[in-house]
């Protein structure tokens, strides 16, 4: 059993640690999956902005773990004006809250959110995303 004093100085992983975990998760994704994303940027922030929550009709910022923002490759054109790069936002505080359930490691949750945000954006089925997740998480 863990002593309370051992946890006294323990801090939640900060944004930099989350960014490193997200980068590691990205690097483990299959090459084809990463390639279809182009120059995707992964941003880690504590919570979604209020306007995002309002637009998605979400009451609590703890309900949104991640969000893909951008245009899928099949909808992009060379004639489009320059725009911001596509991004996946990972919401640190909401992910930490999910992690407290104790069912999955923090890295597994970050990987799950990353795969699902990209997968939903590109129209993957739940079974397609589960297969990718199984492939990534079951590699030693």
N, C-alpha and C. Protein backbone atom coordinates (compact mmCIF):
# COMPACT_ATOMS: atom_id res chain seq x y z
N UNK A 1 0.84 -1.18 0.00
CA UNK A 1 0.00 0.00 0.00
C UNK A 1 0.89 1.25 0.00
N UNK A 2 0.48 2.25 -0.76
CA UNK A 2 1.27 3.47 -0.89
C UNK A 2 0.95 4.42 0.25
N UNK A 3 1.97 4.96 0.81
CA UNK A 3 1.82 5.93 1.89
C UNK A 3 1.38 7.28 1.34
N UNK A 4 0.56 7.99 2.11
CA UNK A 4 0.12 9.32 1.72
C UNK A 4 1.29 10.26 1.54
N UNK A 5 2.31 10.13 2.35
CA UNK A 5 3.45 11.03 2.25
C UNK A 5 4.21 10.86 0.94
N UNK A 6 4.17 9.67 0.34
CA UNK A 6 4.83 9.47 -0.94
C UNK A 6 4.18 10.28 -2.04
N UNK A 7 2.90 10.59 -1.90
CA UNK A 7 2.18 11.35 -2.92
C UNK A 7 2.22 12.86 -2.67
N UNK A 8 2.68 13.25 -1.51
CA UNK A 8 2.64 14.66 -1.13
C UNK A 8 3.32 15.58 -2.15
N UNK A 9 4.44 15.15 -2.69
CA UNK A 9 5.20 15.99 -3.61
C UNK A 9 4.99 15.60 -5.08
N UNK A 10 4.05 14.70 -5.34
CA UNK A 10 3.80 14.26 -6.69
C UNK A 10 2.93 15.30 -7.41
N UNK A 11 3.34 15.63 -8.63
CA UNK A 11 2.61 16.61 -9.43
C UNK A 11 2.03 15.91 -10.66
N UNK A 12 0.93 16.42 -11.14
CA UNK A 12 0.36 15.92 -12.39
C UNK A 12 1.31 16.25 -13.53
N UNK A 13 1.39 15.39 -14.53
CA UNK A 13 2.25 15.68 -15.69
C UNK A 13 1.87 17.02 -16.31
N UNK A 14 2.89 17.84 -16.57
CA UNK A 14 2.63 19.17 -17.12
C UNK A 14 2.48 19.11 -18.64
N UNK A 15 2.31 20.28 -19.25
CA UNK A 15 2.09 20.35 -20.68
C UNK A 15 3.27 19.75 -21.47
N UNK A 16 4.49 19.98 -21.00
CA UNK A 16 5.68 19.46 -21.70
C UNK A 16 5.71 17.93 -21.68
N UNK A 17 5.36 17.34 -20.55
CA UNK A 17 5.32 15.88 -20.47
C UNK A 17 4.23 15.34 -21.39
N UNK A 18 3.08 15.98 -21.39
CA UNK A 18 1.99 15.56 -22.29
C UNK A 18 2.43 15.67 -23.74
N UNK A 19 3.12 16.74 -24.08
CA UNK A 19 3.59 16.92 -25.46
C UNK A 19 4.53 15.79 -25.83
N UNK A 20 5.41 15.39 -24.92
CA UNK A 20 6.33 14.28 -25.18
C UNK A 20 5.57 12.97 -25.35
N UNK A 21 4.56 12.73 -24.51
CA UNK A 21 3.74 11.52 -24.64
C UNK A 21 2.97 11.52 -25.96
N UNK A 22 2.46 12.68 -26.36
CA UNK A 22 1.74 12.79 -27.63
C UNK A 22 2.68 12.53 -28.80
N UNK A 23 3.88 13.06 -28.73
CA UNK A 23 4.86 12.84 -29.79
C UNK A 23 5.20 11.34 -29.88
N UNK A 24 5.39 10.71 -28.75
CA UNK A 24 5.69 9.27 -28.73
C UNK A 24 4.53 8.47 -29.33
N UNK A 25 3.30 8.85 -28.99
CA UNK A 25 2.12 8.17 -29.55
C UNK A 25 2.07 8.37 -31.06
N UNK A 26 2.33 9.57 -31.51
CA UNK A 26 2.33 9.88 -32.95
C UNK A 26 3.36 9.02 -33.69
N UNK A 27 4.54 8.90 -33.12
CA UNK A 27 5.62 8.13 -33.75
C UNK A 27 5.29 6.63 -33.85
N UNK A 28 4.44 6.14 -32.95
CA UNK A 28 4.05 4.72 -32.97
C UNK A 28 2.93 4.43 -33.98
N UNK A 29 2.26 5.46 -34.46
CA UNK A 29 1.17 5.24 -35.41
C UNK A 29 1.71 4.70 -36.73
N UNK A 30 0.91 3.88 -37.41
CA UNK A 30 1.35 3.35 -38.71
C UNK A 30 1.68 4.48 -39.69
N UNK A 31 2.69 4.26 -40.51
CA UNK A 31 3.14 5.27 -41.46
C UNK A 31 2.05 5.80 -42.37
N UNK A 32 1.19 4.91 -42.89
CA UNK A 32 0.10 5.34 -43.77
C UNK A 32 -0.86 6.28 -43.05
N UNK A 33 -1.13 5.99 -41.80
CA UNK A 33 -2.03 6.80 -40.99
C UNK A 33 -1.44 8.20 -40.82
N UNK A 34 -0.15 8.26 -40.50
CA UNK A 34 0.52 9.56 -40.33
C UNK A 34 0.61 10.31 -41.65
N UNK A 35 0.88 9.58 -42.72
CA UNK A 35 1.05 10.22 -44.02
C UNK A 35 -0.21 10.93 -44.48
N UNK A 36 -1.36 10.34 -44.22
CA UNK A 36 -2.60 10.97 -44.67
C UNK A 36 -2.89 12.28 -43.93
N UNK A 37 -2.22 12.47 -42.80
CA UNK A 37 -2.42 13.69 -42.00
C UNK A 37 -1.57 14.85 -42.49
N UNK A 38 -0.61 14.59 -43.35
CA UNK A 38 0.25 15.67 -43.82
C UNK A 38 1.05 16.25 -42.67
N UNK A 39 1.12 17.57 -42.61
CA UNK A 39 1.90 18.26 -41.59
C UNK A 39 1.04 18.59 -40.37
N UNK A 40 0.42 17.59 -39.82
CA UNK A 40 -0.44 17.76 -38.66
C UNK A 40 0.35 18.28 -37.46
N UNK A 41 -0.24 19.23 -36.75
CA UNK A 41 0.36 19.77 -35.53
C UNK A 41 -0.45 19.23 -34.35
N UNK A 42 0.25 18.74 -33.35
CA UNK A 42 -0.42 18.26 -32.14
C UNK A 42 -0.18 19.30 -31.05
N UNK A 43 -1.27 19.87 -30.53
CA UNK A 43 -1.17 20.88 -29.49
C UNK A 43 -1.78 20.35 -28.21
N UNK A 44 -1.08 20.57 -27.12
CA UNK A 44 -1.58 20.18 -25.81
C UNK A 44 -1.90 21.45 -25.05
N UNK A 45 -3.15 21.54 -24.60
CA UNK A 45 -3.60 22.67 -23.78
C UNK A 45 -4.42 22.10 -22.63
N UNK A 46 -4.62 22.88 -21.61
CA UNK A 46 -5.36 22.36 -20.46
C UNK A 46 -6.81 22.04 -20.77
N UNK A 47 -7.52 22.97 -21.37
CA UNK A 47 -8.95 22.78 -21.68
C UNK A 47 -9.26 23.39 -23.04
N UNK A 48 -10.38 22.94 -23.62
CA UNK A 48 -10.90 23.57 -24.83
C UNK A 48 -11.38 24.98 -24.50
N UNK A 49 -11.27 25.85 -25.48
CA UNK A 49 -11.77 27.23 -25.33
C UNK A 49 -13.29 27.20 -25.18
N UNK A 50 -13.82 28.20 -24.51
CA UNK A 50 -15.27 28.28 -24.29
C UNK A 50 -16.06 28.27 -25.59
N UNK A 51 -15.57 28.98 -26.62
CA UNK A 51 -16.31 29.02 -27.88
C UNK A 51 -16.38 27.64 -28.55
N UNK A 52 -15.34 26.83 -28.38
CA UNK A 52 -15.34 25.46 -28.91
C UNK A 52 -16.38 24.63 -28.16
N UNK A 53 -16.38 24.73 -26.84
CA UNK A 53 -17.37 23.99 -26.04
C UNK A 53 -18.79 24.42 -26.40
N UNK A 54 -19.00 25.73 -26.58
CA UNK A 54 -20.32 26.23 -26.96
C UNK A 54 -20.74 25.69 -28.32
N UNK A 55 -19.83 25.73 -29.28
CA UNK A 55 -20.13 25.26 -30.64
C UNK A 55 -20.50 23.78 -30.64
N UNK A 56 -19.83 23.00 -29.80
CA UNK A 56 -20.10 21.56 -29.72
C UNK A 56 -21.20 21.22 -28.72
N UNK A 57 -21.74 22.25 -28.08
CA UNK A 57 -22.81 22.10 -27.08
C UNK A 57 -22.38 21.16 -25.95
N UNK A 58 -21.17 21.42 -25.45
CA UNK A 58 -20.61 20.65 -24.34
C UNK A 58 -20.62 21.54 -23.11
N UNK A 59 -21.20 21.05 -22.03
CA UNK A 59 -21.33 21.84 -20.81
C UNK A 59 -20.06 21.93 -20.00
N UNK A 60 -19.36 20.83 -19.86
CA UNK A 60 -18.18 20.79 -19.01
C UNK A 60 -16.92 20.58 -19.84
N UNK A 61 -15.86 21.34 -19.59
CA UNK A 61 -14.62 21.14 -20.33
C UNK A 61 -13.99 19.77 -20.07
N UNK A 62 -14.41 19.09 -19.02
CA UNK A 62 -13.88 17.76 -18.72
C UNK A 62 -14.48 16.69 -19.65
N UNK A 63 -15.49 17.05 -20.43
CA UNK A 63 -16.13 16.09 -21.33
C UNK A 63 -15.43 15.98 -22.68
N UNK A 64 -14.54 16.90 -22.99
CA UNK A 64 -13.86 16.90 -24.29
C UNK A 64 -12.38 16.61 -24.09
N UNK A 65 -11.95 15.44 -24.57
CA UNK A 65 -10.56 15.02 -24.40
C UNK A 65 -9.66 15.50 -25.53
N UNK A 66 -10.24 15.67 -26.72
CA UNK A 66 -9.44 16.10 -27.86
C UNK A 66 -10.32 16.60 -28.98
N UNK A 67 -9.68 17.24 -29.96
CA UNK A 67 -10.43 17.79 -31.09
C UNK A 67 -9.51 17.93 -32.29
N UNK A 68 -9.99 17.49 -33.47
CA UNK A 68 -9.27 17.70 -34.72
C UNK A 68 -9.78 18.98 -35.33
N UNK A 69 -8.88 19.85 -35.73
CA UNK A 69 -9.26 21.10 -36.37
C UNK A 69 -8.53 21.20 -37.69
N UNK A 70 -9.27 21.19 -38.79
CA UNK A 70 -8.62 21.31 -40.08
C UNK A 70 -9.46 20.73 -41.20
N UNK A 71 -8.84 20.64 -42.36
CA UNK A 71 -9.49 20.16 -43.57
C UNK A 71 -8.79 18.88 -44.00
N UNK A 72 -9.57 17.83 -44.22
CA UNK A 72 -8.97 16.56 -44.62
C UNK A 72 -8.34 16.70 -46.01
N UNK A 73 -7.37 15.85 -46.29
CA UNK A 73 -6.62 15.94 -47.55
C UNK A 73 -7.52 15.86 -48.77
N UNK A 74 -8.58 15.06 -48.73
CA UNK A 74 -9.45 14.93 -49.89
C UNK A 74 -10.27 16.19 -50.15
N UNK A 75 -10.30 17.13 -49.20
CA UNK A 75 -11.02 18.39 -49.39
C UNK A 75 -10.08 19.58 -49.59
N UNK A 76 -8.78 19.33 -49.67
CA UNK A 76 -7.81 20.40 -49.87
C UNK A 76 -7.51 20.54 -51.35
N UNK A 77 -7.18 21.76 -51.74
CA UNK A 77 -6.82 22.04 -53.12
C UNK A 77 -5.57 22.91 -53.15
N UNK A 78 -4.77 22.72 -54.17
CA UNK A 78 -3.57 23.56 -54.34
C UNK A 78 -3.97 25.01 -54.58
N UNK A 79 -5.20 25.25 -55.00
CA UNK A 79 -5.67 26.60 -55.27
C UNK A 79 -6.22 27.31 -54.03
N UNK A 80 -6.33 26.58 -52.93
CA UNK A 80 -6.81 27.18 -51.68
C UNK A 80 -5.82 28.23 -51.20
N UNK A 81 -6.33 29.29 -50.58
CA UNK A 81 -5.40 30.27 -49.99
C UNK A 81 -4.65 29.63 -48.82
N UNK A 82 -3.46 30.14 -48.50
CA UNK A 82 -2.73 29.59 -47.35
C UNK A 82 -3.58 29.65 -46.09
N UNK A 83 -3.44 28.64 -45.26
CA UNK A 83 -4.23 28.58 -44.04
C UNK A 83 -3.40 27.95 -42.93
N UNK A 84 -3.96 27.97 -41.75
CA UNK A 84 -3.31 27.35 -40.60
C UNK A 84 -3.15 25.85 -40.85
N UNK A 85 -2.12 25.23 -40.30
CA UNK A 85 -1.99 23.77 -40.45
C UNK A 85 -3.10 23.05 -39.67
N UNK A 86 -3.41 21.83 -40.10
CA UNK A 86 -4.36 21.01 -39.36
C UNK A 86 -3.76 20.71 -37.99
N UNK A 87 -4.64 20.64 -36.99
CA UNK A 87 -4.18 20.40 -35.62
C UNK A 87 -5.08 19.40 -34.91
N UNK A 88 -4.46 18.65 -34.02
CA UNK A 88 -5.22 17.88 -33.04
C UNK A 88 -4.91 18.53 -31.70
N UNK A 89 -5.96 18.91 -31.02
CA UNK A 89 -5.82 19.44 -29.67
C UNK A 89 -6.05 18.31 -28.69
N UNK A 90 -5.13 18.15 -27.75
CA UNK A 90 -5.29 17.21 -26.65
C UNK A 90 -5.48 18.05 -25.40
N UNK A 91 -6.56 17.80 -24.67
CA UNK A 91 -6.91 18.60 -23.50
C UNK A 91 -6.43 17.91 -22.23
N UNK A 92 -5.32 18.41 -21.72
CA UNK A 92 -4.59 17.79 -20.62
C UNK A 92 -5.45 17.52 -19.39
N UNK A 93 -6.18 18.51 -18.91
CA UNK A 93 -6.94 18.33 -17.68
C UNK A 93 -8.05 17.30 -17.84
N UNK A 94 -8.72 17.31 -18.99
CA UNK A 94 -9.77 16.32 -19.23
C UNK A 94 -9.19 14.92 -19.34
N UNK A 95 -8.01 14.80 -19.98
CA UNK A 95 -7.35 13.51 -20.10
C UNK A 95 -6.89 13.02 -18.73
N UNK A 96 -6.36 13.93 -17.92
CA UNK A 96 -5.96 13.54 -16.56
C UNK A 96 -7.16 13.04 -15.77
N UNK A 97 -8.29 13.70 -15.94
CA UNK A 97 -9.51 13.27 -15.24
C UNK A 97 -9.89 11.85 -15.67
N UNK A 98 -9.80 11.57 -16.96
CA UNK A 98 -10.09 10.22 -17.47
C UNK A 98 -9.09 9.21 -16.91
N UNK A 99 -7.84 9.62 -16.80
CA UNK A 99 -6.78 8.75 -16.30
C UNK A 99 -7.03 8.33 -14.86
N UNK A 100 -7.69 9.18 -14.09
CA UNK A 100 -7.94 8.85 -12.68
C UNK A 100 -8.87 7.65 -12.52
N UNK A 101 -9.55 7.25 -13.60
CA UNK A 101 -10.37 6.04 -13.54
C UNK A 101 -9.51 4.80 -13.33
N UNK A 102 -8.22 4.90 -13.68
CA UNK A 102 -7.28 3.82 -13.41
C UNK A 102 -7.36 2.63 -14.34
N UNK A 103 -8.14 2.71 -15.41
CA UNK A 103 -8.28 1.56 -16.30
C UNK A 103 -7.17 1.48 -17.33
N UNK A 104 -6.65 2.62 -17.76
CA UNK A 104 -5.63 2.66 -18.80
C UNK A 104 -4.49 3.57 -18.36
N UNK A 105 -3.32 3.34 -18.96
CA UNK A 105 -2.19 4.21 -18.68
C UNK A 105 -2.42 5.56 -19.36
N UNK A 106 -1.70 6.55 -18.92
CA UNK A 106 -1.82 7.88 -19.52
C UNK A 106 -1.43 7.82 -21.00
N UNK A 107 -0.39 7.10 -21.32
CA UNK A 107 0.03 6.96 -22.72
C UNK A 107 -1.04 6.29 -23.57
N UNK A 108 -1.73 5.29 -23.01
CA UNK A 108 -2.80 4.62 -23.75
C UNK A 108 -3.96 5.57 -24.02
N UNK A 109 -4.31 6.39 -23.06
CA UNK A 109 -5.41 7.34 -23.25
C UNK A 109 -5.03 8.38 -24.30
N UNK A 110 -3.83 8.90 -24.23
CA UNK A 110 -3.38 9.89 -25.22
C UNK A 110 -3.38 9.27 -26.62
N UNK A 111 -2.89 8.04 -26.74
CA UNK A 111 -2.89 7.34 -28.03
C UNK A 111 -4.31 7.16 -28.53
N UNK A 112 -5.21 6.73 -27.66
CA UNK A 112 -6.61 6.53 -28.02
C UNK A 112 -7.23 7.82 -28.55
N UNK A 113 -7.04 8.91 -27.83
CA UNK A 113 -7.62 10.19 -28.23
C UNK A 113 -7.04 10.64 -29.57
N UNK A 114 -5.75 10.53 -29.73
CA UNK A 114 -5.09 10.93 -30.97
C UNK A 114 -5.63 10.14 -32.16
N UNK A 115 -5.69 8.82 -32.03
CA UNK A 115 -6.21 7.97 -33.11
C UNK A 115 -7.66 8.32 -33.42
N UNK A 116 -8.46 8.49 -32.39
CA UNK A 116 -9.88 8.74 -32.63
C UNK A 116 -10.15 10.12 -33.21
N UNK A 117 -9.43 11.12 -32.81
CA UNK A 117 -9.63 12.45 -33.40
C UNK A 117 -9.26 12.45 -34.87
N UNK A 118 -8.14 11.84 -35.20
CA UNK A 118 -7.73 11.75 -36.60
C UNK A 118 -8.70 10.85 -37.37
N UNK A 119 -9.02 9.71 -36.79
CA UNK A 119 -9.90 8.75 -37.46
C UNK A 119 -11.29 9.30 -37.74
N UNK A 120 -11.89 9.96 -36.76
CA UNK A 120 -13.22 10.55 -36.98
C UNK A 120 -13.16 11.61 -38.06
N UNK A 121 -12.10 12.41 -38.07
CA UNK A 121 -11.98 13.47 -39.06
C UNK A 121 -11.93 12.90 -40.48
N UNK A 122 -11.25 11.78 -40.64
CA UNK A 122 -11.10 11.18 -41.95
C UNK A 122 -12.17 10.13 -42.26
N UNK A 123 -13.16 9.99 -41.38
CA UNK A 123 -14.29 9.11 -41.65
C UNK A 123 -14.03 7.63 -41.42
N UNK A 124 -13.06 7.30 -40.59
CA UNK A 124 -12.80 5.90 -40.28
C UNK A 124 -13.94 5.35 -39.43
N UNK A 125 -14.21 4.07 -39.58
CA UNK A 125 -15.20 3.42 -38.74
C UNK A 125 -14.59 3.16 -37.37
N UNK A 126 -15.44 2.90 -36.39
CA UNK A 126 -14.95 2.58 -35.05
C UNK A 126 -14.08 1.32 -35.09
N UNK A 127 -14.46 0.34 -35.93
CA UNK A 127 -13.66 -0.88 -36.00
C UNK A 127 -12.29 -0.61 -36.64
N UNK A 128 -12.23 0.29 -37.63
CA UNK A 128 -10.94 0.67 -38.21
C UNK A 128 -10.03 1.30 -37.16
N UNK A 129 -10.60 2.20 -36.36
CA UNK A 129 -9.80 2.88 -35.34
C UNK A 129 -9.37 1.91 -34.25
N UNK A 130 -10.25 0.99 -33.89
CA UNK A 130 -9.89 -0.02 -32.88
C UNK A 130 -8.75 -0.90 -33.38
N UNK A 131 -8.76 -1.24 -34.68
CA UNK A 131 -7.69 -2.07 -35.24
C UNK A 131 -6.36 -1.33 -35.20
N UNK A 132 -6.38 -0.04 -35.52
CA UNK A 132 -5.15 0.77 -35.46
C UNK A 132 -4.67 0.86 -34.02
N UNK A 133 -5.60 1.12 -33.11
CA UNK A 133 -5.24 1.23 -31.70
C UNK A 133 -4.67 -0.09 -31.17
N UNK A 134 -5.29 -1.20 -31.53
CA UNK A 134 -4.78 -2.52 -31.11
C UNK A 134 -3.37 -2.74 -31.65
N UNK A 135 -3.16 -2.37 -32.91
CA UNK A 135 -1.86 -2.54 -33.53
C UNK A 135 -0.80 -1.71 -32.79
N UNK A 136 -1.13 -0.48 -32.46
CA UNK A 136 -0.19 0.43 -31.81
C UNK A 136 0.07 0.02 -30.35
N UNK A 137 -0.97 -0.29 -29.62
CA UNK A 137 -0.84 -0.56 -28.19
C UNK A 137 -0.36 -1.97 -27.88
N UNK A 138 -0.47 -2.87 -28.84
CA UNK A 138 -0.03 -4.24 -28.59
C UNK A 138 1.38 -4.52 -29.09
N UNK A 139 2.06 -3.46 -29.53
CA UNK A 139 3.46 -3.59 -29.93
C UNK A 139 4.32 -3.36 -28.71
N UNK A 140 5.22 -4.28 -28.45
CA UNK A 140 6.08 -4.18 -27.26
C UNK A 140 7.13 -3.11 -27.42
